[in-house]
N, C-alpha and C. Protein backbone atom coordinates (compact mmCIF):
# COMPACT_ATOMS: atom_id res chain seq x y z
N MET A 1 0.82 -1.19 0.00
CA MET A 1 0.00 0.00 0.00
C MET A 1 0.87 1.26 0.00
N LYS A 2 1.99 1.23 0.74
CA LYS A 2 2.87 2.39 0.80
C LYS A 2 3.44 2.70 -0.58
N HIS A 3 3.78 1.66 -1.33
CA HIS A 3 4.34 1.83 -2.67
C HIS A 3 3.29 2.49 -3.59
N THR A 4 2.05 2.12 -3.46
CA THR A 4 0.97 2.67 -4.27
C THR A 4 0.76 4.16 -3.96
N LYS A 5 0.84 4.53 -2.69
CA LYS A 5 0.67 5.94 -2.31
C LYS A 5 1.79 6.80 -2.88
N SER A 6 3.02 6.31 -2.84
CA SER A 6 4.14 7.10 -3.38
C SER A 6 4.04 7.21 -4.90
N SER A 7 3.58 6.15 -5.55
CA SER A 7 3.40 6.20 -7.00
C SER A 7 2.32 7.20 -7.38
N LEU A 8 1.24 7.20 -6.60
CA LEU A 8 0.16 8.13 -6.85
C LEU A 8 0.62 9.57 -6.64
N SER A 9 1.38 9.80 -5.60
CA SER A 9 1.91 11.14 -5.33
C SER A 9 2.83 11.60 -6.46
N LEU A 10 3.67 10.71 -6.94
CA LEU A 10 4.58 11.04 -8.03
C LEU A 10 3.79 11.36 -9.30
N ALA A 11 2.78 10.56 -9.60
CA ALA A 11 1.96 10.79 -10.79
C ALA A 11 1.22 12.12 -10.70
N LEU A 12 0.68 12.43 -9.53
CA LEU A 12 -0.04 13.68 -9.34
C LEU A 12 0.91 14.88 -9.47
N GLY A 13 2.07 14.77 -8.87
CA GLY A 13 3.06 15.84 -8.97
C GLY A 13 3.50 16.08 -10.40
N THR A 14 3.71 15.01 -11.15
CA THR A 14 4.10 15.12 -12.56
C THR A 14 3.01 15.80 -13.37
N ALA A 15 1.76 15.43 -13.12
CA ALA A 15 0.63 16.03 -13.84
C ALA A 15 0.55 17.52 -13.58
N ILE A 16 0.77 17.92 -12.34
CA ILE A 16 0.72 19.35 -12.00
C ILE A 16 1.83 20.11 -12.70
N VAL A 17 3.03 19.56 -12.69
CA VAL A 17 4.16 20.22 -13.35
C VAL A 17 3.91 20.34 -14.85
N LEU A 18 3.45 19.27 -15.47
CA LEU A 18 3.20 19.31 -16.91
C LEU A 18 2.10 20.29 -17.27
N SER A 19 1.07 20.39 -16.46
CA SER A 19 0.00 21.35 -16.77
C SER A 19 0.50 22.77 -16.62
N THR A 20 1.40 23.03 -15.69
CA THR A 20 1.98 24.36 -15.51
C THR A 20 2.84 24.72 -16.70
N VAL A 21 3.64 23.79 -17.19
CA VAL A 21 4.49 24.03 -18.35
C VAL A 21 3.63 24.29 -19.58
N ALA A 22 2.57 23.52 -19.76
CA ALA A 22 1.70 23.70 -20.92
C ALA A 22 1.04 25.07 -20.93
N VAL A 23 0.72 25.60 -19.78
CA VAL A 23 0.12 26.93 -19.69
C VAL A 23 1.16 28.01 -19.89
N ALA A 24 2.37 27.82 -19.38
CA ALA A 24 3.41 28.84 -19.47
C ALA A 24 3.96 28.99 -20.88
N ALA A 25 4.05 27.92 -21.65
CA ALA A 25 4.64 27.97 -22.98
C ALA A 25 3.91 28.94 -23.91
N PRO A 26 2.58 28.90 -24.04
CA PRO A 26 1.92 29.86 -24.92
C PRO A 26 2.09 31.30 -24.46
N ALA A 27 2.11 31.53 -23.16
CA ALA A 27 2.29 32.89 -22.65
C ALA A 27 3.68 33.41 -23.02
N GLU A 28 4.68 32.55 -22.91
CA GLU A 28 6.04 32.95 -23.26
C GLU A 28 6.15 33.22 -24.75
N ALA A 29 5.54 32.37 -25.57
CA ALA A 29 5.57 32.56 -27.02
C ALA A 29 4.88 33.86 -27.42
N ALA A 30 3.85 34.24 -26.70
CA ALA A 30 3.13 35.47 -27.02
C ALA A 30 3.98 36.70 -26.74
N SER A 31 4.96 36.58 -25.89
CA SER A 31 5.81 37.72 -25.58
C SER A 31 7.03 37.80 -26.51
N LYS A 32 7.04 36.98 -27.55
CA LYS A 32 8.12 36.97 -28.54
C LYS A 32 7.56 37.30 -29.92
N GLU A 33 8.43 37.74 -30.81
CA GLU A 33 8.02 37.98 -32.19
C GLU A 33 9.13 37.52 -33.13
N LYS A 34 8.74 37.16 -34.35
CA LYS A 34 9.70 36.78 -35.37
C LYS A 34 10.33 38.05 -35.90
N CYS A 35 11.66 38.07 -35.93
CA CYS A 35 12.37 39.24 -36.42
C CYS A 35 13.30 38.80 -37.55
N TYR A 36 13.05 39.32 -38.75
CA TYR A 36 13.82 38.95 -39.93
C TYR A 36 15.03 39.85 -40.10
N GLY A 37 16.13 39.22 -40.57
CA GLY A 37 17.32 39.98 -40.90
C GLY A 37 18.25 40.29 -39.75
N VAL A 38 18.06 39.64 -38.60
CA VAL A 38 18.92 39.95 -37.44
C VAL A 38 19.79 38.77 -37.02
N ALA A 39 19.49 37.57 -37.50
CA ALA A 39 20.24 36.38 -37.08
C ALA A 39 21.58 36.31 -37.80
N LEU A 40 22.57 35.82 -37.08
CA LEU A 40 23.87 35.55 -37.70
C LEU A 40 23.79 34.20 -38.41
N ALA A 41 24.70 33.94 -39.32
CA ALA A 41 24.70 32.69 -40.08
C ALA A 41 24.63 31.50 -39.13
N GLY A 42 23.69 30.59 -39.42
CA GLY A 42 23.54 29.38 -38.62
C GLY A 42 22.86 29.58 -37.28
N GLN A 43 22.38 30.79 -36.99
CA GLN A 43 21.76 31.05 -35.69
C GLN A 43 20.30 31.47 -35.80
N ASN A 44 19.69 31.27 -36.97
CA ASN A 44 18.26 31.60 -37.12
C ASN A 44 17.41 30.55 -36.42
N ASP A 45 16.19 30.92 -36.10
CA ASP A 45 15.29 29.97 -35.46
C ASP A 45 14.55 29.12 -36.47
N CYS A 46 14.24 29.64 -37.65
CA CYS A 46 13.58 28.83 -38.68
C CYS A 46 13.36 29.67 -39.94
N ALA A 47 12.71 29.09 -40.92
CA ALA A 47 12.32 29.76 -42.17
C ALA A 47 13.45 30.55 -42.81
N ALA A 48 14.46 29.87 -43.25
CA ALA A 48 15.58 30.55 -43.87
C ALA A 48 15.53 30.50 -45.39
N GLY A 49 14.37 30.28 -45.96
CA GLY A 49 14.20 30.36 -47.40
C GLY A 49 14.63 29.14 -48.17
N PRO A 50 14.57 29.25 -49.51
CA PRO A 50 14.90 28.12 -50.38
C PRO A 50 16.31 27.61 -50.14
N GLY A 51 16.46 26.30 -50.16
CA GLY A 51 17.78 25.70 -49.99
C GLY A 51 18.18 25.51 -48.54
N THR A 52 17.30 25.87 -47.61
CA THR A 52 17.60 25.66 -46.20
C THR A 52 16.47 24.88 -45.56
N SER A 53 16.76 24.19 -44.49
CA SER A 53 15.73 23.36 -43.87
C SER A 53 14.98 24.10 -42.77
N CYS A 54 15.67 24.62 -41.81
CA CYS A 54 14.98 25.32 -40.73
C CYS A 54 16.01 25.90 -39.76
N ALA A 55 15.80 25.68 -38.48
CA ALA A 55 16.65 26.29 -37.45
C ALA A 55 18.13 26.03 -37.71
N GLY A 56 18.91 27.09 -37.61
CA GLY A 56 20.35 26.99 -37.77
C GLY A 56 20.82 26.81 -39.20
N SER A 57 19.95 27.05 -40.17
CA SER A 57 20.31 26.77 -41.56
C SER A 57 20.57 28.01 -42.41
N SER A 58 20.51 29.20 -41.82
CA SER A 58 20.80 30.39 -42.63
C SER A 58 22.26 30.37 -43.04
N LYS A 59 22.51 30.84 -44.24
CA LYS A 59 23.85 30.76 -44.82
C LYS A 59 24.69 32.01 -44.59
N THR A 60 24.05 33.15 -44.38
CA THR A 60 24.78 34.40 -44.21
C THR A 60 24.27 35.18 -43.01
N ASP A 61 25.09 36.05 -42.48
CA ASP A 61 24.67 36.95 -41.41
C ASP A 61 23.58 37.88 -41.94
N TYR A 62 22.60 38.16 -41.12
CA TYR A 62 21.52 39.11 -41.43
C TYR A 62 20.73 38.73 -42.68
N GLN A 63 20.58 37.41 -42.92
CA GLN A 63 19.84 36.93 -44.09
C GLN A 63 18.40 37.44 -44.02
N SER A 64 17.94 38.04 -45.10
CA SER A 64 16.66 38.75 -45.11
C SER A 64 15.42 37.87 -44.97
N ASN A 65 15.54 36.58 -45.23
CA ASN A 65 14.38 35.69 -45.11
C ASN A 65 14.51 34.70 -43.96
N ALA A 66 15.46 34.94 -43.07
CA ALA A 66 15.65 34.10 -41.89
C ALA A 66 15.27 34.91 -40.66
N TRP A 67 14.51 34.27 -39.76
CA TRP A 67 14.06 35.01 -38.58
C TRP A 67 14.60 34.41 -37.29
N LYS A 68 14.57 35.23 -36.27
CA LYS A 68 14.96 34.83 -34.92
C LYS A 68 13.86 35.33 -33.99
N LEU A 69 13.49 34.51 -33.00
CA LEU A 69 12.51 34.96 -32.01
C LEU A 69 13.19 35.93 -31.05
N VAL A 70 12.59 37.08 -30.89
CA VAL A 70 13.13 38.12 -29.99
C VAL A 70 11.99 38.62 -29.10
N PRO A 71 12.32 39.27 -27.99
CA PRO A 71 11.25 39.82 -27.15
C PRO A 71 10.36 40.77 -27.95
N ALA A 72 9.05 40.64 -27.75
CA ALA A 72 8.09 41.48 -28.47
C ALA A 72 8.42 42.96 -28.30
N GLY A 73 8.35 43.68 -29.41
CA GLY A 73 8.60 45.11 -29.39
C GLY A 73 10.05 45.53 -29.57
N THR A 74 10.96 44.56 -29.73
CA THR A 74 12.38 44.91 -29.85
C THR A 74 12.94 44.74 -31.26
N CYS A 75 12.23 44.05 -32.13
CA CYS A 75 12.75 43.71 -33.45
C CYS A 75 13.22 44.93 -34.22
N MET A 76 12.39 45.92 -34.33
CA MET A 76 12.70 47.05 -35.20
C MET A 76 13.74 48.00 -34.60
N ASP A 77 14.26 47.65 -33.42
CA ASP A 77 15.37 48.40 -32.82
C ASP A 77 16.69 47.66 -33.00
N MET A 78 16.62 46.39 -33.44
CA MET A 78 17.82 45.58 -33.59
C MET A 78 18.52 45.88 -34.91
N GLU A 79 19.83 45.79 -34.91
CA GLU A 79 20.62 46.06 -36.12
C GLU A 79 20.42 44.97 -37.17
N SER A 80 20.30 45.38 -38.42
CA SER A 80 20.30 44.48 -39.56
C SER A 80 21.08 45.16 -40.67
N LYS A 81 22.20 44.56 -41.05
CA LYS A 81 23.06 45.16 -42.07
C LYS A 81 22.52 44.96 -43.48
N THR A 82 21.44 44.18 -43.63
CA THR A 82 20.88 43.95 -44.96
C THR A 82 19.54 44.66 -45.18
N SER A 83 18.94 45.15 -44.14
CA SER A 83 17.64 45.82 -44.24
C SER A 83 17.81 47.25 -44.74
N SER A 84 16.86 47.72 -45.52
CA SER A 84 16.92 49.10 -46.04
C SER A 84 16.82 50.13 -44.91
N THR A 85 16.27 49.73 -43.78
CA THR A 85 16.17 50.66 -42.65
C THR A 85 17.34 50.53 -41.68
N GLY A 86 18.13 49.45 -41.85
CA GLY A 86 19.24 49.20 -40.94
C GLY A 86 18.80 48.48 -39.67
N HIS A 87 17.52 48.08 -39.63
CA HIS A 87 16.96 47.41 -38.45
C HIS A 87 16.21 46.16 -38.86
N GLY A 88 15.96 45.29 -37.88
CA GLY A 88 15.18 44.09 -38.12
C GLY A 88 13.80 44.43 -38.64
N GLN A 89 13.17 43.47 -39.29
CA GLN A 89 11.84 43.67 -39.87
C GLN A 89 10.91 42.55 -39.39
N LEU A 90 9.62 42.84 -39.34
CA LEU A 90 8.63 41.85 -38.90
C LEU A 90 8.20 40.90 -40.02
N LYS A 91 8.65 41.19 -41.25
CA LYS A 91 8.37 40.34 -42.40
C LYS A 91 9.67 40.15 -43.20
N ALA A 92 9.76 39.05 -43.92
CA ALA A 92 10.94 38.81 -44.77
C ALA A 92 11.04 39.94 -45.79
N PHE A 93 12.26 40.28 -46.14
CA PHE A 93 12.46 41.36 -47.12
C PHE A 93 13.48 40.94 -48.17
């Protein structure tokens, strides 16, 4: 019986932790935005255009079609040496 109680406690604790993580993940994602043209070569988060697969696949620094997740509201203040404005963009350029 003691073994069953500890197993039940472990299962309940795991369920609580997992439900907390599941709730926190969308909130964290909402506080981020995709910022194009700011990632260094091989450091993009995804969508690096034709000829690339995804995360870490950008071929050049500040690639215009590769994005990096950054804190919301900071993208257009970040440096981009390929952007016409000199800053990151919210869409590929």
